[in-house]
Amino acid sequence: MAQKAGKKKTLAEWREERGVTVQALADALGTTRGRMGDYLQGRLEPSVTRAQKIVEVLNITVDDVAWVEKAKVSRPAPPKKADAKKDGQHTGAAAPQEDAEGSS
């Protein structure tokens, strides 16, 4: 049942090795094929209950799987309002506009 010493495999690798379709796994978990694909590609992490069901269907243990960590995307913090004013950026106040016919 468990893998012998060596490199752990991802869920996708185990699924292929066992010859189980994505749809069969999704059906066993009661989820969609798309969600199952997200688990297999590491875009989403299954709950403990779902992870246990996946390894049960694949006839492996949780420890046999190289769980893929989601890549963390770092985004710059938005500028503070004080910084936006210094940079001359629009802060939400409406700019004065001229009449359509011009000023008199």
Foldseek 3Di string as FASTA:
>chain_A
DEDDDDDAEALLVLCVVLVHDLCNLCVQLVHDSVVSVCQRVLVDPDDPVSLCSSCVVSVYDSVSHPGDHHDDDDDDDDDDLVVCVVVVHDNPDDDDDADPVGDD
